Amino acid sequence: MDATPATPYMLLLFGGKLAMPDPARQMVVVDDWLHLHASARVAGTPAACAWYRPVQSHADRSRAPPPPLHWCTALIRRLRQQLDRLLERKLAQPTLSISTDPIVEAITTLLSSERI
């Protein structure tokens, strides 16, 4: 049997449909079968979601409580939508360079923040 490691962000960004059946349980379900516990590593890290609100300094960011899971899920969904639109443009215009697009840079930064 072969297996390919995949991080939570990889699954959230490139997996199937996202759902939050019970936000109180801090659980995100990908494609109606894969349950991801949304620990601080997945949902509440500054790299993932803390930029949704103004922060005065880095010290303030480290003391701020993690954002609600439904906000993080909404941000991931929005990022996925933006990536889909960008890829549609790339398919329509094959010579279009997307390597420095802010969406690609944000996804690259997010995925680079995880270790396999």
PDB file of N, CA and C in Angstrom:
ATOM      1  N   MET A   1       0.842  -1.173   0.000  1.00  0.00           N
ATOM      2  CA  MET A   1       0.000   0.000   0.000  1.00  0.00           C
ATOM      3  C   MET A   1       0.890   1.240   0.000  1.00  0.00           C
ATOM      4  N   ASP A   2       0.552   2.187  -0.836  1.00  0.00           N
ATOM      5  CA  ASP A   2       1.268   3.456  -0.890  1.00  0.00           C
ATOM      6  C   ASP A   2       0.466   4.513  -0.146  1.00  0.00           C
ATOM      7  N   ALA A   3       1.186   5.436   0.446  1.00  0.00           N
ATOM      8  CA  ALA A   3       0.532   6.550   1.141  1.00  0.00           C
ATOM      9  C   ALA A   3       1.327   7.818   0.893  1.00  0.00           C
ATOM     10  N   THR A   4       0.624   8.901   0.738  1.00  0.00           N
ATOM     11  CA  THR A   4       1.254  10.197   0.561  1.00  0.00           C
ATOM     12  C   THR A   4       0.873  11.069   1.743  1.00  0.00           C
ATOM     13  N   PRO A   5       1.871  11.602   2.460  1.00  0.00           N
ATOM     14  CA  PRO A   5       1.529  12.457   3.596  1.00  0.00           C
ATOM     15  C   PRO A   5       0.858  13.748   3.125  1.00  0.00           C
ATOM     16  N   ALA A   6      -0.119  14.173   3.874  1.00  0.00           N
ATOM     17  CA  ALA A   6      -0.813  15.426   3.588  1.00  0.00           C
ATOM     18  C   ALA A   6      -1.054  16.145   4.910  1.00  0.00           C
ATOM     19  N   THR A   7      -0.752  17.418   4.927  1.00  0.00           N
ATOM     20  CA  THR A   7      -0.937  18.218   6.134  1.00  0.00           C
ATOM     21  C   THR A   7      -2.384  18.705   6.210  1.00  0.00           C
ATOM     22  N   PRO A   8      -2.813  19.171   7.382  1.00  0.00           N
ATOM     23  CA  PRO A   8      -4.180  19.697   7.488  1.00  0.00           C
ATOM     24  C   PRO A   8      -4.470  20.835   6.505  1.00  0.00           C
ATOM     25  N   TYR A   9      -3.528  21.758   6.324  1.00  0.00           N
ATOM     26  CA  TYR A   9      -3.787  22.846   5.384  1.00  0.00           C
ATOM     27  C   TYR A   9      -3.929  22.329   3.963  1.00  0.00           C
ATOM     28  N   MET A  10      -3.139  21.337   3.583  1.00  0.00           N
ATOM     29  CA  MET A  10      -3.276  20.748   2.248  1.00  0.00           C
ATOM     30  C   MET A  10      -4.684  20.194   2.054  1.00  0.00           C
ATOM     31  N   LEU A  11      -5.160  19.484   3.068  1.00  0.00           N
ATOM     32  CA  LEU A  11      -6.503  18.909   2.981  1.00  0.00           C
ATOM     33  C   LEU A  11      -7.577  19.987   2.968  1.00  0.00           C
ATOM     34  N   LEU A  12      -7.404  21.026   3.778  1.00  0.00           N
ATOM     35  CA  LEU A  12      -8.394  22.101   3.819  1.00  0.00           C
ATOM     36  C   LEU A  12      -8.424  22.901   2.519  1.00  0.00           C
ATOM     37  N   LEU A  13      -7.263  23.110   1.923  1.00  0.00           N
ATOM     38  CA  LEU A  13      -7.199  23.914   0.702  1.00  0.00           C
ATOM     39  C   LEU A  13      -7.522  23.133  -0.558  1.00  0.00           C
ATOM     40  N   PHE A  14      -7.107  21.872  -0.614  1.00  0.00           N
ATOM     41  CA  PHE A  14      -7.226  21.122  -1.860  1.00  0.00           C
ATOM     42  C   PHE A  14      -8.122  19.897  -1.753  1.00  0.00           C
ATOM     43  N   GLY A  15      -8.707  19.682  -0.572  1.00  0.00           N
ATOM     44  CA  GLY A  15      -9.622  18.562  -0.395  1.00  0.00           C
ATOM     45  C   GLY A  15     -11.002  18.912  -0.926  1.00  0.00           C
ATOM     46  N   GLY A  16     -11.982  18.165  -0.500  1.00  0.00           N
ATOM     47  CA  GLY A  16     -13.350  18.383  -0.968  1.00  0.00           C
ATOM     48  C   GLY A  16     -14.071  19.447  -0.178  1.00  0.00           C
ATOM     49  N   LYS A  17     -15.364  19.327  -0.150  1.00  0.00           N
ATOM     50  CA  LYS A  17     -16.265  20.273   0.506  1.00  0.00           C
ATOM     51  C   LYS A  17     -15.954  20.358   1.995  1.00  0.00           C
ATOM     52  N   LEU A  18     -15.988  21.569   2.541  1.00  0.00           N
ATOM     53  CA  LEU A  18     -15.756  21.785   3.966  1.00  0.00           C
ATOM     54  C   LEU A  18     -17.080  21.975   4.689  1.00  0.00           C
ATOM     55  N   ALA A  19     -17.182  21.373   5.862  1.00  0.00           N
ATOM     56  CA  ALA A  19     -18.376  21.547   6.688  1.00  0.00           C
ATOM     57  C   ALA A  19     -17.964  21.617   8.148  1.00  0.00           C
ATOM     58  N   MET A  20     -18.787  22.288   8.934  1.00  0.00           N
ATOM     59  CA  MET A  20     -18.608  22.369  10.384  1.00  0.00           C
ATOM     60  C   MET A  20     -19.907  21.939  11.035  1.00  0.00           C
ATOM     61  N   PRO A  21     -20.123  20.628  11.195  1.00  0.00           N
ATOM     62  CA  PRO A  21     -21.395  20.170  11.730  1.00  0.00           C
ATOM     63  C   PRO A  21     -21.676  20.657  13.146  1.00  0.00           C
ATOM     64  N   ASP A  22     -20.644  20.810  13.953  1.00  0.00           N
ATOM     65  CA  ASP A  22     -20.825  21.250  15.338  1.00  0.00           C
ATOM     66  C   ASP A  22     -19.647  22.135  15.725  1.00  0.00           C
ATOM     67  N   PRO A  23     -19.765  23.454  15.542  1.00  0.00           N
ATOM     68  CA  PRO A  23     -18.642  24.352  15.832  1.00  0.00           C
ATOM     69  C   PRO A  23     -18.115  24.230  17.259  1.00  0.00           C
ATOM     70  N   ALA A  24     -18.964  23.856  18.187  1.00  0.00           N
ATOM     71  CA  ALA A  24     -18.517  23.724  19.578  1.00  0.00           C
ATOM     72  C   ALA A  24     -17.475  22.626  19.736  1.00  0.00           C
ATOM     73  N   ARG A  25     -17.477  21.636  18.850  1.00  0.00           N
ATOM     74  CA  ARG A  25     -16.511  20.535  18.936  1.00  0.00           C
ATOM     75  C   ARG A  25     -15.190  20.872  18.248  1.00  0.00           C
ATOM     76  N   GLN A  26     -15.092  22.050  17.641  1.00  0.00           N
ATOM     77  CA  GLN A  26     -13.862  22.471  16.953  1.00  0.00           C
ATOM     78  C   GLN A  26     -13.435  21.431  15.915  1.00  0.00           C
ATOM     79  N   MET A  27     -14.391  21.007  15.102  1.00  0.00           N
ATOM     80  CA  MET A  27     -14.152  19.969  14.112  1.00  0.00           C
ATOM     81  C   MET A  27     -14.552  20.482  12.728  1.00  0.00           C
ATOM     82  N   VAL A  28     -13.681  20.236  11.746  1.00  0.00           N
ATOM     83  CA  VAL A  28     -13.980  20.537  10.352  1.00  0.00           C
ATOM     84  C   VAL A  28     -14.042  19.196   9.634  1.00  0.00           C
ATOM     85  N   VAL A  29     -15.060  19.020   8.802  1.00  0.00           N
ATOM     86  CA  VAL A  29     -15.221  17.776   8.052  1.00  0.00           C
ATOM     87  C   VAL A  29     -14.952  18.083   6.583  1.00  0.00           C
ATOM     88  N   VAL A  30     -14.023  17.320   5.992  1.00  0.00           N
ATOM     89  CA  VAL A  30     -13.670  17.492   4.587  1.00  0.00           C
ATOM     90  C   VAL A  30     -14.336  16.370   3.797  1.00  0.00           C
ATOM     91  N   ASP A  31     -15.099  16.765   2.796  1.00  0.00           N
ATOM     92  CA  ASP A  31     -15.732  15.824   1.872  1.00  0.00           C
ATOM     93  C   ASP A  31     -16.652  14.814   2.559  1.00  0.00           C
ATOM     94  N   ASP A  32     -17.286  15.221   3.630  1.00  0.00           N
ATOM     95  CA  ASP A  32     -18.262  14.408   4.365  1.00  0.00           C
ATOM     96  C   ASP A  32     -17.690  13.152   5.018  1.00  0.00           C
ATOM     97  N   TRP A  33     -16.367  13.011   5.097  1.00  0.00           N
ATOM     98  CA  TRP A  33     -15.843  11.800   5.743  1.00  0.00           C
ATOM     99  C   TRP A  33     -14.575  12.018   6.543  1.00  0.00           C
ATOM    100  N   LEU A  34     -13.775  12.996   6.205  1.00  0.00           N
ATOM    101  CA  LEU A  34     -12.505  13.196   6.902  1.00  0.00           C
ATOM    102  C   LEU A  34     -12.698  14.262   7.977  1.00  0.00           C
ATOM    103  N   HIS A  35     -12.598  13.857   9.238  1.00  0.00           N
ATOM    104  CA  HIS A  35     -12.804  14.764  10.364  1.00  0.00           C
ATOM    105  C   HIS A  35     -11.455  15.283  10.848  1.00  0.00           C
ATOM    106  N   LEU A  36     -11.310  16.602  10.824  1.00  0.00           N
ATOM    107  CA  LEU A  36     -10.084  17.243  11.313  1.00  0.00           C
ATOM    108  C   LEU A  36     -10.418  18.013  12.578  1.00  0.00           C
ATOM    109  N   HIS A  37      -9.724  17.679  13.648  1.00  0.00           N
ATOM    110  CA  HIS A  37      -9.879  18.446  14.876  1.00  0.00           C
ATOM    111  C   HIS A  37      -9.143  19.754  14.672  1.00  0.00           C
ATOM    112  N   ALA A  38      -9.814  20.851  14.849  1.00  0.00           N
ATOM    113  CA  ALA A  38      -9.234  22.159  14.580  1.00  0.00           C
ATOM    114  C   ALA A  38      -8.522  22.679  15.816  1.00  0.00           C
ATOM    115  N   SER A  39      -7.362  22.131  16.059  1.00  0.00           N
ATOM    116  CA  SER A  39      -6.544  22.617  17.161  1.00  0.00           C
ATOM    117  C   SER A  39      -6.003  23.991  16.784  1.00  0.00           C
ATOM    118  N   ALA A  40      -5.276  24.599  17.688  1.00  0.00           N
ATOM    119  CA  ALA A  40      -4.678  25.904  17.391  1.00  0.00           C
ATOM    120  C   ALA A  40      -3.791  25.819  16.166  1.00  0.00           C
ATOM    121  N   ARG A  41      -3.187  24.678  15.934  1.00  0.00           N
ATOM    122  CA  ARG A  41      -2.309  24.507  14.779  1.00  0.00           C
ATOM    123  C   ARG A  41      -3.071  24.682  13.476  1.00  0.00           C
ATOM    124  N   VAL A  42      -4.315  24.228  13.421  1.00  0.00           N
ATOM    125  CA  VAL A  42      -5.090  24.309  12.189  1.00  0.00           C
ATOM    126  C   VAL A  42      -5.871  25.609  12.113  1.00  0.00           C
ATOM    127  N   ALA A  43      -6.522  26.002  13.196  1.00  0.00           N
ATOM    128  CA  ALA A  43      -7.492  27.087  13.092  1.00  0.00           C
ATOM    129  C   ALA A  43      -7.079  28.390  13.740  1.00  0.00           C
ATOM    130  N   GLY A  44      -6.225  28.363  14.732  1.00  0.00           N
ATOM    131  CA  GLY A  44      -6.033  29.585  15.481  1.00  0.00           C
ATOM    132  C   GLY A  44      -4.660  30.196  15.418  1.00  0.00           C
ATOM    133  N   THR A  45      -3.813  29.736  14.528  1.00  0.00           N
ATOM    134  CA  THR A  45      -2.476  30.296  14.469  1.00  0.00           C
ATOM    135  C   THR A  45      -2.492  31.632  13.739  1.00  0.00           C
ATOM    136  N   PRO A  46      -1.563  32.508  14.061  1.00  0.00           N
ATOM    137  CA  PRO A  46      -1.492  33.773  13.329  1.00  0.00           C
ATOM    138  C   PRO A  46      -1.354  33.549  11.831  1.00  0.00           C
ATOM    139  N   ALA A  47      -0.619  32.517  11.411  1.00  0.00           N
ATOM    140  CA  ALA A  47      -0.443  32.258   9.982  1.00  0.00           C
ATOM    141  C   ALA A  47      -1.765  31.925   9.324  1.00  0.00           C
ATOM    142  N   ALA A  48      -2.665  31.286  10.067  1.00  0.00           N
ATOM    143  CA  ALA A  48      -3.919  30.860   9.470  1.00  0.00           C
ATOM    144  C   ALA A  48      -4.967  31.955   9.470  1.00  0.00           C
ATOM    145  N   CYS A  49      -5.220  32.556  10.627  1.00  0.00           N
ATOM    146  CA  CYS A  49      -6.418  33.389  10.714  1.00  0.00           C
ATOM    147  C   CYS A  49      -6.291  34.679  11.499  1.00  0.00           C
ATOM    148  N   ALA A  50      -5.230  34.932  12.187  1.00  0.00           N
ATOM    149  CA  ALA A  50      -5.192  36.093  13.067  1.00  0.00           C
ATOM    150  C   ALA A  50      -5.158  37.404  12.303  1.00  0.00           C
ATOM    151  N   TRP A  51      -4.874  37.378  11.030  1.00  0.00           N
ATOM    152  CA  TRP A  51      -4.818  38.611  10.272  1.00  0.00           C
ATOM    153  C   TRP A  51      -6.200  39.155   9.935  1.00  0.00           C
ATOM    154  N   TYR A  52      -7.266  38.503  10.401  1.00  0.00           N
ATOM    155  CA  TYR A  52      -8.609  38.994  10.110  1.00  0.00           C
ATOM    156  C   TYR A  52      -8.951  40.247  10.912  1.00  0.00           C
ATOM    157  N   ARG A  53      -8.182  40.566  11.933  1.00  0.00           N
ATOM    158  CA  ARG A  53      -8.483  41.731  12.758  1.00  0.00           C
ATOM    159  C   ARG A  53      -7.205  42.575  12.902  1.00  0.00           C
ATOM    160  N   PRO A  54      -7.353  43.876  13.136  1.00  0.00           N
ATOM    161  CA  PRO A  54      -6.159  44.708  13.298  1.00  0.00           C
ATOM    162  C   PRO A  54      -5.406  44.352  14.579  1.00  0.00           C
ATOM    163  N   VAL A  55      -4.118  44.333  14.483  1.00  0.00           N
ATOM    164  CA  VAL A  55      -3.262  44.043  15.626  1.00  0.00           C
ATOM    165  C   VAL A  55      -2.223  45.147  15.702  1.00  0.00           C
ATOM    166  N   GLN A  56      -2.014  45.672  16.895  1.00  0.00           N
ATOM    167  CA  GLN A  56      -1.100  46.787  17.050  1.00  0.00           C
ATOM    168  C   GLN A  56       0.365  46.372  16.976  1.00  0.00           C
ATOM    169  N   SER A  57       0.689  45.212  17.522  1.00  0.00           N
ATOM    170  CA  SER A  57       2.079  44.774  17.508  1.00  0.00           C
ATOM    171  C   SER A  57       2.135  43.266  17.534  1.00  0.00           C
ATOM    172  N   HIS A  58       3.324  42.727  17.288  1.00  0.00           N
ATOM    173  CA  HIS A  58       3.505  41.278  17.337  1.00  0.00           C
ATOM    174  C   HIS A  58       3.196  40.745  18.732  1.00  0.00           C
ATOM    175  N   ALA A  59       3.547  41.497  19.757  1.00  0.00           N
ATOM    176  CA  ALA A  59       3.268  41.064  21.134  1.00  0.00           C
ATOM    177  C   ALA A  59       1.760  40.960  21.367  1.00  0.00           C
ATOM    178  N   ASP A  60       0.991  41.904  20.820  1.00  0.00           N
ATOM    179  CA  ASP A  60      -0.467  41.841  20.951  1.00  0.00           C
ATOM    180  C   ASP A  60      -1.016  40.598  20.267  1.00  0.00           C
ATOM    181  N   ARG A  61      -0.460  40.250  19.108  1.00  0.00           N
ATOM    182  CA  ARG A  61      -0.934  39.095  18.353  1.00  0.00           C
ATOM    183  C   ARG A  61      -0.741  37.813  19.151  1.00  0.00           C
ATOM    184  N   SER A  62       0.384  37.682  19.860  1.00  0.00           N
ATOM    185  CA  SER A  62       0.640  36.448  20.593  1.00  0.00           C
ATOM    186  C   SER A  62      -0.297  36.283  21.783  1.00  0.00           C
ATOM    187  N   ARG A  63      -0.841  37.375  22.308  1.00  0.00           N
ATOM    188  CA  ARG A  63      -1.762  37.298  23.442  1.00  0.00           C
ATOM    189  C   ARG A  63      -3.213  37.208  23.017  1.00  0.00           C
ATOM    190  N   ALA A  64      -3.490  37.473  21.754  1.00  0.00           N
ATOM    191  CA  ALA A  64      -4.874  37.476  21.288  1.00  0.00           C
ATOM    192  C   ALA A  64      -5.420  36.057  21.277  1.00  0.00           C
ATOM    193  N   PRO A  65      -6.681  35.887  21.653  1.00  0.00           N
ATOM    194  CA  PRO A  65      -7.276  34.552  21.597  1.00  0.00           C
ATOM    195  C   PRO A  65      -7.427  34.117  20.148  1.00  0.00           C
ATOM    196  N   PRO A  66      -7.423  32.811  19.901  1.00  0.00           N
ATOM    197  CA  PRO A  66      -7.621  32.358  18.529  1.00  0.00           C
ATOM    198  C   PRO A  66      -8.999  32.787  18.023  1.00  0.00           C
ATOM    199  N   PRO A  67      -9.114  33.066  16.733  1.00  0.00           N
ATOM    200  CA  PRO A  67     -10.415  33.461  16.196  1.00  0.00           C
ATOM    201  C   PRO A  67     -11.375  32.276  16.213  1.00  0.00           C
ATOM    202  N   PRO A  68     -12.667  32.540  16.156  1.00  0.00           N
ATOM    203  CA  PRO A  68     -13.623  31.437  16.119  1.00  0.00           C
ATOM    204  C   PRO A  68     -13.391  30.554  14.893  1.00  0.00           C
ATOM    205  N   LEU A  69     -13.634  29.270  15.062  1.00  0.00           N
ATOM    206  CA  LEU A  69     -13.391  28.308  13.985  1.00  0.00           C
ATOM    207  C   LEU A  69     -14.182  28.643  12.730  1.00  0.00           C
ATOM    208  N   HIS A  70     -15.419  29.102  12.874  1.00  0.00           N
ATOM    209  CA  HIS A  70     -16.209  29.377  11.673  1.00  0.00           C
ATOM    210  C   HIS A  70     -15.603  30.520  10.860  1.00  0.00           C
ATOM    211  N   TRP A  71     -14.913  31.454  11.500  1.00  0.00           N
ATOM    212  CA  TRP A  71     -14.221  32.505  10.751  1.00  0.00           C
ATOM    213  C   TRP A  71     -13.073  31.918   9.955  1.00  0.00           C
ATOM    214  N   CYS A  72     -12.321  31.019  10.577  1.00  0.00           N
ATOM    215  CA  CYS A  72     -11.191  30.399   9.892  1.00  0.00           C
ATOM    216  C   CYS A  72     -11.662  29.558   8.718  1.00  0.00           C
ATOM    217  N   THR A  73     -12.738  28.817   8.925  1.00  0.00           N
ATOM    218  CA  THR A  73     -13.285  28.002   7.839  1.00  0.00           C
ATOM    219  C   THR A  73     -13.739  28.897   6.693  1.00  0.00           C
ATOM    220  N   ALA A  74     -14.361  30.017   7.016  1.00  0.00           N
ATOM    221  CA  ALA A  74     -14.792  30.960   5.980  1.00  0.00           C
ATOM    222  C   ALA A  74     -13.586  31.524   5.225  1.00  0.00           C
ATOM    223  N   LEU A  75     -12.502  31.805   5.928  1.00  0.00           N
ATOM    224  CA  LEU A  75     -11.296  32.312   5.266  1.00  0.00           C
ATOM    225  C   LEU A  75     -10.699  31.264   4.332  1.00  0.00           C
ATOM    226  N   ILE A  76     -10.671  30.014   4.776  1.00  0.00           N
ATOM    227  CA  ILE A  76     -10.150  28.948   3.924  1.00  0.00           C
ATOM    228  C   ILE A  76     -11.029  28.790   2.684  1.00  0.00           C
ATOM    229  N   ARG A  77     -12.337  28.819   2.872  1.00  0.00           N
ATOM    230  CA  ARG A  77     -13.256  28.725   1.721  1.00  0.00           C
ATOM    231  C   ARG A  77     -13.014  29.863   0.736  1.00  0.00           C
ATOM    232  N   ARG A  78     -12.848  31.060   1.258  1.00  0.00           N
ATOM    233  CA  ARG A  78     -12.615  32.225   0.393  1.00  0.00           C
ATOM    234  C   ARG A  78     -11.284  32.094  -0.356  1.00  0.00           C
ATOM    235  N   LEU A  79     -10.271  31.624   0.322  1.00  0.00           N
ATOM    236  CA  LEU A  79      -8.974  31.419  -0.320  1.00  0.00           C
ATOM    237  C   LEU A  79      -9.101  30.383  -1.440  1.00  0.00           C
ATOM    238  N   ARG A  80      -9.854  29.319  -1.185  1.00  0.00           N
ATOM    239  CA  ARG A  80     -10.079  28.300  -2.215  1.00  0.00           C
ATOM    240  C   ARG A  80     -10.809  28.894  -3.418  1.00  0.00           C
ATOM    241  N   GLN A  81     -11.812  29.738  -3.178  1.00  0.00           N
ATOM    242  CA  GLN A  81     -12.545  30.372  -4.275  1.00  0.00           C
ATOM    243  C   GLN A  81     -11.615  31.246  -5.110  1.00  0.00           C
ATOM    244  N   GLN A  82     -10.787  32.017  -4.421  1.00  0.00           N
ATOM    245  CA  GLN A  82      -9.855  32.889  -5.131  1.00  0.00           C
ATOM    246  C   GLN A  82      -8.858  32.076  -5.963  1.00  0.00           C
ATOM    247  N   LEU A  83      -8.376  30.967  -5.417  1.00  0.00           N
ATOM    248  CA  LEU A  83      -7.461  30.105  -6.164  1.00  0.00           C
ATOM    249  C   LEU A  83      -8.166  29.508  -7.380  1.00  0.00           C
ATOM    250  N   ASP A  84      -9.401  29.067  -7.228  1.00  0.00           N
ATOM    251  CA  ASP A  84     -10.160  28.527  -8.367  1.00  0.00           C
ATOM    252  C   ASP A  84     -10.287  29.570  -9.479  1.00  0.00           C
ATOM    253  N   ARG A  85     -10.605  30.797  -9.102  1.00  0.00           N
ATOM    254  CA  ARG A  85     -10.723  31.867 -10.107  1.00  0.00           C
ATOM    255  C   ARG A  85      -9.392  32.117 -10.813  1.00  0.00           C
ATOM    256  N   LEU A  86      -8.323  32.116 -10.033  1.00  0.00           N
ATOM    257  CA  LEU A  86      -6.998  32.330 -10.612  1.00  0.00           C
ATOM    258  C   LEU A  86      -6.640  31.205 -11.585  1.00  0.00           C
ATOM    259  N   LEU A  87      -6.920  29.972 -11.215  1.00  0.00           N
ATOM    260  CA  LEU A  87      -6.618  28.838 -12.097  1.00  0.00           C
ATOM    261  C   LEU A  87      -7.475  28.864 -13.362  1.00  0.00           C
ATOM    262  N   GLU A  88      -8.723  29.314 -13.242  1.00  0.00           N
ATOM    263  CA  GLU A  88      -9.567  29.469 -14.433  1.00  0.00           C
ATOM    264  C   GLU A  88      -8.975  30.497 -15.385  1.00  0.00           C
ATOM    265  N   ARG A  89      -8.476  31.599 -14.828  1.00  0.00           N
ATOM    266  CA  ARG A  89      -7.816  32.615 -15.668  1.00  0.00           C
ATOM    267  C   ARG A  89      -6.571  32.043 -16.335  1.00  0.00           C
ATOM    268  N   LYS A  90      -5.813  31.254 -15.578  1.00  0.00           N
ATOM    269  CA  LYS A  90      -4.593  30.641 -16.123  1.00  0.00           C
ATOM    270  C   LYS A  90      -4.930  29.690 -17.263  1.00  0.00           C
ATOM    271  N   LEU A  91      -5.986  28.914 -17.113  1.00  0.00           N
ATOM    272  CA  LEU A  91      -6.394  27.998 -18.183  1.00  0.00           C
ATOM    273  C   LEU A  91      -6.840  28.760 -19.426  1.00  0.00           C
ATOM    274  N   ALA A  92      -7.516  29.874 -19.228  1.00  0.00           N
ATOM    275  CA  ALA A  92      -7.975  30.689 -20.355  1.00  0.00           C
ATOM    276  C   ALA A  92      -6.819  31.434 -21.021  1.00  0.00           C
ATOM    277  N   GLN A  93      -5.789  31.754 -20.224  1.00  0.00           N
ATOM    278  CA  GLN A  93      -4.628  32.489 -20.730  1.00  0.00           C
ATOM    279  C   GLN A  93      -3.358  31.751 -20.306  1.00  0.00           C
ATOM    280  N   PRO A  94      -2.957  30.723 -21.034  1.00  0.00           N
ATOM    281  CA  PRO A  94      -1.814  29.900 -20.613  1.00  0.00           C
ATOM    282  C   PRO A  94      -0.509  30.663 -20.395  1.00  0.00           C
ATOM    283  N   THR A  95      -0.334  31.799 -21.034  1.00  0.00           N
ATOM    284  CA  THR A  95       0.908  32.554 -20.853  1.00  0.00           C
ATOM    285  C   THR A  95       0.877  33.453 -19.614  1.00  0.00           C
ATOM    286  N   LEU A  96      -0.258  33.539 -18.959  1.00  0.00           N
ATOM    287  CA  LEU A  96      -0.390  34.351 -17.748  1.00  0.00           C
ATOM    288  C   LEU A  96       0.509  33.796 -16.641  1.00  0.00           C
ATOM    289  N   SER A  97       1.335  34.653 -16.078  1.00  0.00           N
ATOM    290  CA  SER A  97       2.194  34.245 -14.964  1.00  0.00           C
ATOM    291  C   SER A  97       1.441  34.435 -13.653  1.00  0.00           C
ATOM    292  N   ILE A  98       1.362  33.362 -12.864  1.00  0.00           N
ATOM    293  CA  ILE A  98       0.658  33.448 -11.590  1.00  0.00           C
ATOM    294  C   ILE A  98       1.591  33.229 -10.401  1.00  0.00           C
ATOM    295  N   SER A  99       2.863  33.034 -10.659  1.00  0.00           N
ATOM    296  CA  SER A  99       3.796  32.685  -9.579  1.00  0.00           C
ATOM    297  C   SER A  99       3.947  33.787  -8.531  1.00  0.00           C
ATOM    298  N   THR A 100       3.722  35.038  -8.907  1.00  0.00           N
ATOM    299  CA  THR A 100       3.850  36.129  -7.936  1.00  0.00           C
ATOM    300  C   THR A 100       2.490  36.699  -7.531  1.00  0.00           C
ATOM    301  N   ASP A 101       1.436  36.014  -7.899  1.00  0.00           N
ATOM    302  CA  ASP A 101       0.098  36.465  -7.508  1.00  0.00           C
ATOM    303  C   ASP A 101      -0.044  36.378  -5.991  1.00  0.00           C
ATOM    304  N   PRO A 102      -0.684  37.347  -5.353  1.00  0.00           N
ATOM    305  CA  PRO A 102      -0.838  37.325  -3.890  1.00  0.00           C
ATOM    306  C   PRO A 102      -1.535  36.065  -3.367  1.00  0.00           C
ATOM    307  N   ILE A 103      -2.471  35.504  -4.119  1.00  0.00           N
ATOM    308  CA  ILE A 103      -3.148  34.273  -3.687  1.00  0.00           C
ATOM    309  C   ILE A 103      -2.157  33.120  -3.640  1.00  0.00           C
ATOM    310  N   VAL A 104      -1.345  32.988  -4.675  1.00  0.00           N
ATOM    311  CA  VAL A 104      -0.331  31.920  -4.715  1.00  0.00           C
ATOM    312  C   VAL A 104       0.682  32.133  -3.597  1.00  0.00           C
ATOM    313  N   GLU A 105       1.094  33.367  -3.379  1.00  0.00           N
ATOM    314  CA  GLU A 105       2.049  33.647  -2.310  1.00  0.00           C
ATOM    315  C   GLU A 105       1.456  33.336  -0.928  1.00  0.00           C
ATOM    316  N   ALA A 106       0.180  33.661  -0.721  1.00  0.00           N
ATOM    317  CA  ALA A 106      -0.462  33.374   0.569  1.00  0.00           C
ATOM    318  C   ALA A 106      -0.544  31.865   0.808  1.00  0.00           C
ATOM    319  N   ILE A 107      -0.924  31.121  -0.217  1.00  0.00           N
ATOM    320  CA  ILE A 107      -1.016  29.657  -0.079  1.00  0.00           C
ATOM    321  C   ILE A 107       0.358  29.057   0.141  1.00  0.00           C
ATOM    322  N   THR A 108       1.349  29.540  -0.577  1.00  0.00           N
ATOM    323  CA  THR A 108       2.716  29.046  -0.410  1.00  0.00           C
ATOM    324  C   THR A 108       3.214  29.297   1.019  1.00  0.00           C
ATOM    325  N   THR A 109       2.959  30.492   1.530  1.00  0.00           N
ATOM    326  CA  THR A 109       3.355  30.811   2.902  1.00  0.00           C
ATOM    327  C   THR A 109       2.642  29.915   3.902  1.00  0.00           C
ATOM    328  N   LEU A 110       1.359  29.736   3.719  1.00  0.00           N
ATOM    329  CA  LEU A 110       0.577  28.904   4.628  1.00  0.00           C
ATOM    330  C   LEU A 110       1.073  27.455   4.619  1.00  0.00           C
ATOM    331  N   LEU A 111       1.278  26.899   3.431  1.00  0.00           N
ATOM    332  CA  LEU A 111       1.736  25.513   3.339  1.00  0.00           C
ATOM    333  C   LEU A 111       3.175  25.359   3.834  1.00  0.00           C
ATOM    334  N   SER A 112       3.986  26.380   3.643  1.00  0.00           N
ATOM    335  CA  SER A 112       5.365  26.323   4.119  1.00  0.00           C
ATOM    336  C   SER A 112       5.461  26.374   5.636  1.00  0.00           C
ATOM    337  N   SER A 113       4.408  26.851   6.280  1.00  0.00           N
ATOM    338  CA  SER A 113       4.426  26.959   7.739  1.00  0.00           C
ATOM    339  C   SER A 113       4.211  25.610   8.422  1.00  0.00           C
ATOM    340  N   GLU A 114       3.808  24.605   7.658  1.00  0.00           N
ATOM    341  CA  GLU A 114       3.573  23.266   8.223  1.00  0.00           C
ATOM    342  C   GLU A 114       4.761  22.366   7.941  1.00  0.00           C
ATOM    343  N   ARG A 115       4.921  21.402   8.801  1.00  0.00           N
ATOM    344  CA  ARG A 115       5.973  20.399   8.637  1.00  0.00           C
ATOM    345  C   ARG A 115       5.306  19.044   8.450  1.00  0.00           C
ATOM    346  N   ILE A 116       5.851  18.267   7.549  1.00  0.00           N
ATOM    347  CA  ILE A 116       5.328  16.890   7.356  1.00  0.00           C
ATOM    348  C   ILE A 116       6.213  15.930   8.134  1.00  0.00           C
TER     349      ILE A 116
END
